[in-house]
N, C-alpha and C. Protein backbone atom coordinates (compact mmCIF):
# COMPACT_ATOMS: atom_id res chain seq x y z
N MET A 1 29.05 3.56 -14.69
CA MET A 1 27.81 2.79 -15.44
C MET A 1 27.50 1.72 -14.71
N SER A 2 28.45 1.03 -13.82
CA SER A 2 27.92 -0.33 -13.44
C SER A 2 27.01 0.25 -12.04
N THR A 3 27.66 1.10 -11.70
CA THR A 3 26.81 2.12 -10.32
C THR A 3 25.14 2.46 -10.92
N LYS A 4 25.44 2.85 -12.08
CA LYS A 4 23.80 3.47 -12.51
C LYS A 4 23.10 1.98 -12.70
N ILE A 5 23.49 1.07 -13.13
CA ILE A 5 22.66 -0.50 -13.38
C ILE A 5 22.54 -0.69 -11.85
N ASN A 6 23.44 -1.07 -11.06
CA ASN A 6 23.03 -1.10 -9.42
C ASN A 6 22.03 -0.14 -9.19
N GLN A 7 22.15 1.01 -9.40
CA GLN A 7 21.07 1.89 -8.67
C GLN A 7 19.41 1.41 -9.67
N LEU A 8 19.71 1.22 -10.27
CA LEU A 8 18.60 0.79 -11.26
C LEU A 8 17.74 -0.50 -10.87
N GLN A 9 18.69 -1.32 -10.92
CA GLN A 9 18.04 -2.83 -10.03
C GLN A 9 17.56 -2.47 -8.80
N LEU A 10 18.41 -1.71 -7.78
CA LEU A 10 17.73 -1.00 -6.41
C LEU A 10 16.37 -0.39 -6.54
N LEU A 11 16.32 0.40 -7.56
CA LEU A 11 15.00 0.90 -7.86
C LEU A 11 13.97 0.11 -8.05
N GLN A 12 14.20 -0.67 -8.84
CA GLN A 12 13.27 -1.80 -9.51
C GLN A 12 12.74 -2.61 -8.00
N GLN A 13 13.75 -3.30 -7.17
CA GLN A 13 13.40 -3.79 -6.12
C GLN A 13 12.52 -2.84 -5.08
N ASN A 14 12.94 -1.98 -5.25
CA ASN A 14 12.20 -0.57 -4.42
C ASN A 14 10.77 -0.55 -4.78
N LEU A 15 10.72 -0.57 -6.02
CA LEU A 15 9.35 -0.42 -6.76
C LEU A 15 8.43 -1.54 -6.50
N GLN A 16 8.94 -2.83 -6.37
CA GLN A 16 8.38 -4.10 -6.39
C GLN A 16 7.90 -4.13 -4.65
N ALA A 17 8.60 -3.96 -3.77
CA ALA A 17 8.25 -3.64 -2.48
C ALA A 17 7.13 -2.81 -2.42
N VAL A 18 7.13 -1.82 -2.93
CA VAL A 18 6.14 -0.76 -2.63
C VAL A 18 4.87 -1.39 -3.12
N LEU A 19 4.77 -1.66 -4.41
CA LEU A 19 3.70 -2.39 -5.10
C LEU A 19 3.22 -3.45 -4.24
N THR A 20 4.09 -4.36 -3.66
CA THR A 20 3.41 -5.30 -2.60
C THR A 20 2.47 -5.02 -1.53
N GLN A 21 3.31 -3.75 -0.92
CA GLN A 21 2.92 -3.02 0.08
C GLN A 21 1.34 -2.41 0.03
N ARG A 22 1.17 -1.70 -1.42
CA ARG A 22 0.26 -1.10 -1.73
C ARG A 22 -0.96 -2.23 -1.77
N GLN A 23 -0.53 -3.21 -2.65
CA GLN A 23 -1.64 -4.40 -2.76
C GLN A 23 -2.44 -4.56 -1.17
N GLN A 24 -1.25 -5.03 -0.15
CA GLN A 24 -1.80 -5.25 1.07
C GLN A 24 -2.73 -4.41 1.44
N ILE A 25 -2.16 -3.18 1.28
CA ILE A 25 -3.47 -1.72 2.07
C ILE A 25 -4.28 -1.68 1.41
N GLN A 26 -4.26 -2.56 -0.26
CA GLN A 26 -5.67 -2.45 -0.67
C GLN A 26 -6.92 -3.50 -0.25
N ASN A 27 -5.88 -4.48 -0.18
CA ASN A 27 -6.89 -5.72 0.68
C ASN A 27 -7.07 -5.28 2.20
N GLN A 28 -6.40 -4.48 2.74
CA GLN A 28 -6.89 -4.46 4.11
C GLN A 28 -8.28 -3.24 3.92
N LEU A 29 -8.08 -2.34 2.93
CA LEU A 29 -9.21 -1.36 2.64
C LEU A 29 -10.75 -2.33 2.16
N ILE A 30 -10.31 -3.20 1.48
CA ILE A 30 -11.79 -3.93 1.00
C ILE A 30 -12.24 -4.72 2.24
N GLU A 31 -11.04 -5.21 3.14
CA GLU A 31 -11.99 -6.09 4.45
C GLU A 31 -12.57 -4.90 5.26
N LEU A 32 -12.14 -3.91 5.25
CA LEU A 32 -12.51 -2.87 6.36
C LEU A 32 -13.63 -2.43 5.65
N GLU A 33 -14.12 -1.87 4.34
CA GLU A 33 -15.09 -1.45 3.45
C GLU A 33 -16.27 -2.91 4.00
N SER A 34 -16.07 -4.06 3.79
CA SER A 34 -17.13 -5.16 3.81
C SER A 34 -17.48 -5.04 5.24
N ALA A 35 -16.26 -4.91 6.36
CA ALA A 35 -16.80 -5.01 7.72
C ALA A 35 -17.68 -4.05 8.19
N LEU A 36 -17.44 -2.90 7.52
CA LEU A 36 -18.40 -1.63 8.01
C LEU A 36 -19.81 -2.00 7.43
N LEU A 37 -19.74 -2.34 5.94
CA LEU A 37 -21.07 -2.58 5.47
C LEU A 37 -22.10 -3.84 6.07
N ALA A 38 -21.25 -4.68 6.76
CA ALA A 38 -21.86 -5.95 7.19
C ALA A 38 -22.34 -5.31 8.74
N LEU A 39 -21.51 -4.36 9.40
CA LEU A 39 -21.90 -3.91 10.48
C LEU A 39 -23.08 -2.78 10.56
N LYS A 40 -23.72 -2.44 9.52
CA LYS A 40 -24.59 -1.57 9.48
C LYS A 40 -25.98 -2.22 9.40
N GLY A 41 -25.73 -3.16 8.94
CA GLY A 41 -27.20 -4.17 9.18
C GLY A 41 -27.17 -5.21 10.28
N ALA A 42 -26.26 -5.05 11.27
CA ALA A 42 -26.04 -6.11 12.09
C ALA A 42 -26.85 -5.40 13.47
N THR A 43 -27.68 -6.52 14.12
CA THR A 43 -28.20 -6.40 15.29
C THR A 43 -27.14 -6.52 16.60
N ASN A 44 -26.21 -7.44 16.37
CA ASN A 44 -25.57 -7.72 17.35
C ASN A 44 -23.95 -7.52 16.44
N SER A 45 -23.30 -7.12 17.16
CA SER A 45 -21.69 -6.90 17.03
C SER A 45 -20.48 -7.46 17.79
N TYR A 46 -19.26 -7.90 17.20
CA TYR A 46 -18.62 -8.67 17.82
C TYR A 46 -17.37 -8.09 17.49
N LYS A 47 -16.29 -8.26 18.63
CA LYS A 47 -14.83 -7.92 17.98
C LYS A 47 -13.90 -9.01 18.46
N ILE A 48 -12.67 -9.37 17.89
CA ILE A 48 -11.82 -10.03 17.72
C ILE A 48 -10.93 -9.65 18.82
N MET A 49 -10.56 -9.89 19.94
CA MET A 49 -9.71 -9.87 20.70
C MET A 49 -8.76 -10.92 20.93
N GLY A 50 -7.46 -10.90 20.61
CA GLY A 50 -6.73 -12.09 20.70
C GLY A 50 -7.28 -13.35 20.03
N HIS A 51 -7.70 -14.08 20.74
CA HIS A 51 -8.02 -15.41 20.30
C HIS A 51 -9.29 -15.90 20.39
N ILE A 52 -10.43 -14.34 21.12
CA ILE A 52 -11.75 -14.66 21.10
C ILE A 52 -12.42 -13.65 20.71
N MET A 53 -13.41 -13.94 20.60
CA MET A 53 -14.67 -12.99 20.12
C MET A 53 -15.53 -12.41 21.18
N VAL A 54 -15.36 -11.12 21.07
CA VAL A 54 -16.44 -10.64 22.36
C VAL A 54 -17.50 -9.48 21.46
N SER A 55 -18.46 -9.72 22.55
CA SER A 55 -19.53 -8.75 22.10
C SER A 55 -19.06 -7.26 22.19
N ALA A 56 -19.05 -6.47 21.11
CA ALA A 56 -18.95 -4.91 21.21
C ALA A 56 -20.08 -3.88 20.78
N ASP A 57 -19.74 -2.84 21.11
CA ASP A 57 -20.96 -1.82 20.90
C ASP A 57 -20.61 -1.28 19.40
N GLY A 58 -21.76 -1.51 18.54
CA GLY A 58 -21.60 -1.48 17.37
C GLY A 58 -21.32 -0.35 16.66
N GLU A 59 -21.74 0.83 17.49
CA GLU A 59 -21.23 2.26 16.96
C GLU A 59 -19.66 2.64 17.38
N GLU A 60 -19.20 2.07 18.29
CA GLU A 60 -17.95 2.23 18.84
C GLU A 60 -16.89 1.21 17.83
N LEU A 61 -17.63 0.09 17.51
CA LEU A 61 -16.78 -0.62 16.60
C LEU A 61 -16.61 0.00 15.25
N SER A 62 -17.84 0.51 14.92
CA SER A 62 -17.94 1.09 13.66
C SER A 62 -16.90 2.27 13.46
N LYS A 63 -16.77 3.05 14.66
CA LYS A 63 -15.55 4.28 14.76
C LYS A 63 -14.39 3.82 14.72
N ASP A 64 -14.27 2.75 15.10
CA ASP A 64 -12.56 1.97 15.10
C ASP A 64 -12.51 1.54 13.84
N LEU A 65 -13.34 1.10 13.14
CA LEU A 65 -13.13 0.39 11.51
C LEU A 65 -13.03 1.33 10.60
N SER A 66 -13.72 2.67 11.12
CA SER A 66 -13.86 3.95 9.99
C SER A 66 -12.29 4.56 10.39
N ASP A 67 -11.88 4.53 11.45
CA ASP A 67 -10.41 5.21 11.78
C ASP A 67 -9.18 4.31 11.08
N LYS A 68 -9.41 3.47 11.20
CA LYS A 68 -8.45 1.96 10.45
C LYS A 68 -8.55 2.34 9.29
N LYS A 69 -9.75 2.58 8.51
CA LYS A 69 -10.04 2.64 7.10
C LYS A 69 -9.47 4.02 6.85
N GLU A 70 -9.65 5.34 7.52
CA GLU A 70 -8.72 6.27 7.24
C GLU A 70 -7.21 6.37 7.16
N ILE A 71 -6.70 5.52 8.13
CA ILE A 71 -5.48 5.31 8.28
C ILE A 71 -4.97 4.71 6.92
N CYS A 72 -5.72 3.44 6.33
CA CYS A 72 -5.49 2.96 5.38
C CYS A 72 -5.39 3.42 4.00
N ASP A 73 -6.48 4.47 3.80
CA ASP A 73 -6.50 5.45 2.90
C ASP A 73 -5.19 6.33 2.71
N ILE A 74 -4.55 6.86 3.67
CA ILE A 74 -3.36 7.83 4.12
C ILE A 74 -2.55 6.98 3.56
N ARG A 75 -2.22 6.08 4.12
CA ARG A 75 -1.19 5.01 3.52
C ARG A 75 -1.18 4.51 2.20
N LEU A 76 -2.42 4.23 1.64
CA LEU A 76 -2.40 3.86 0.23
C LEU A 76 -2.00 5.27 -0.72
N LYS A 77 -2.44 6.20 -0.32
CA LYS A 77 -1.92 7.75 -0.89
C LYS A 77 -0.48 7.88 -0.61
N ASN A 78 0.20 7.46 0.41
CA ASN A 78 1.56 7.53 0.69
C ASN A 78 2.05 6.60 -0.57
N PHE A 79 1.91 5.39 -0.50
CA PHE A 79 2.51 4.16 -1.32
C PHE A 79 2.51 4.59 -2.76
N SER A 80 1.05 5.02 -3.23
CA SER A 80 0.92 5.52 -4.63
C SER A 80 2.08 6.68 -4.82
N LYS A 81 2.13 7.79 -4.18
CA LYS A 81 3.03 8.82 -4.30
C LYS A 81 4.63 8.05 -4.64
N GLN A 82 4.93 7.32 -3.53
CA GLN A 82 6.17 6.62 -3.68
C GLN A 82 6.19 5.58 -5.14
N GLU A 83 5.00 5.35 -5.13
CA GLU A 83 5.34 4.38 -6.49
C GLU A 83 5.61 5.41 -7.90
N GLU A 84 5.09 6.30 -7.77
CA GLU A 84 5.31 7.45 -9.08
C GLU A 84 6.64 8.08 -8.84
N LYS A 85 7.17 8.42 -7.82
CA LYS A 85 8.55 9.12 -7.80
C LYS A 85 9.50 7.90 -8.13
N ILE A 86 9.33 6.58 -7.75
CA ILE A 86 10.24 5.51 -8.18
C ILE A 86 10.21 5.17 -9.91
N LYS A 87 9.04 5.28 -9.92
CA LYS A 87 8.64 5.00 -11.58
C LYS A 87 9.66 6.18 -12.37
N VAL A 88 9.39 7.45 -11.97
CA VAL A 88 10.11 8.38 -12.55
C VAL A 88 11.63 8.45 -12.63
N ASP A 89 11.94 8.09 -11.22
CA ASP A 89 13.38 7.80 -11.07
C ASP A 89 14.20 6.64 -12.03
N ILE A 90 13.24 5.84 -12.11
CA ILE A 90 13.52 4.46 -13.07
C ILE A 90 13.68 4.58 -14.36
N GLU A 91 12.80 5.86 -14.93
CA GLU A 91 12.94 5.94 -16.15
C GLU A 91 13.95 6.93 -16.60
N THR A 92 14.17 7.91 -15.68
CA THR A 92 15.32 9.04 -15.96
C THR A 92 16.71 7.97 -15.63
N LEU A 93 16.84 7.00 -15.09
CA LEU A 93 18.02 6.26 -15.14
C LEU A 93 18.05 5.42 -16.10
N GLN A 94 17.10 4.80 -16.47
CA GLN A 94 17.15 4.04 -17.46
C GLN A 94 17.54 4.98 -18.91
N LYS A 95 17.12 6.28 -19.11
CA LYS A 95 17.57 6.97 -20.22
C LYS A 95 18.80 7.06 -20.15
N GLU A 96 19.71 7.45 -18.83
CA GLU A 96 20.75 7.97 -18.90
C GLU A 96 21.80 6.52 -19.03
N VAL A 97 21.18 5.35 -18.82
CA VAL A 97 21.88 4.33 -18.94
C VAL A 97 21.98 4.05 -20.53
N VAL A 98 21.10 4.05 -21.30
CA VAL A 98 20.85 4.05 -22.43
C VAL A 98 21.84 4.88 -23.38
N GLU A 99 21.81 6.09 -23.06
CA GLU A 99 22.40 7.07 -23.66
C GLU A 99 23.75 6.58 -23.21
N GLU A 100 24.35 6.34 -22.19
CA GLU A 100 26.01 6.08 -22.00
C GLU A 100 26.31 4.90 -23.17
N LEU A 101 25.30 3.92 -23.13
CA LEU A 101 25.55 2.68 -23.98
C LEU A 101 25.95 3.31 -25.63
N LYS A 102 24.77 4.42 -25.71
CA LYS A 102 24.99 4.63 -27.42
C LYS A 102 26.48 5.65 -27.45
N ASN A 103 26.63 5.98 -26.82
CA ASN A 103 27.63 6.76 -26.48
C ASN A 103 29.26 6.04 -26.35
N LYS A 104 29.20 4.76 -25.88
CA LYS A 104 30.26 4.04 -25.80
C LYS A 104 30.30 3.07 -27.19
N LYS A 105 29.28 3.32 -27.98
CA LYS A 105 29.63 2.36 -29.40
C LYS A 105 30.05 3.62 -30.26
């Protein structure tokens, strides 16, 4: 019984970590979409390299941002799948724990 409760706590911690990571990816996606939108209307484009900003080719920069956006989309889907799986596992384990508690009484 205590092992199932420990597993449940671990799953809840894992779920919280996945939710945090998913939120970070969502924030990155928002930033990338904003940068791509700003880049469309820009005559000059710049890229941050280390601690300095240098002039960059707009098309190349746009491609880099699009690639990063695509990677973030994939990561977001993966985190969403992980989240759903963990939620199902939590629900199943909670039912088992409740059932065991009922049987003890």
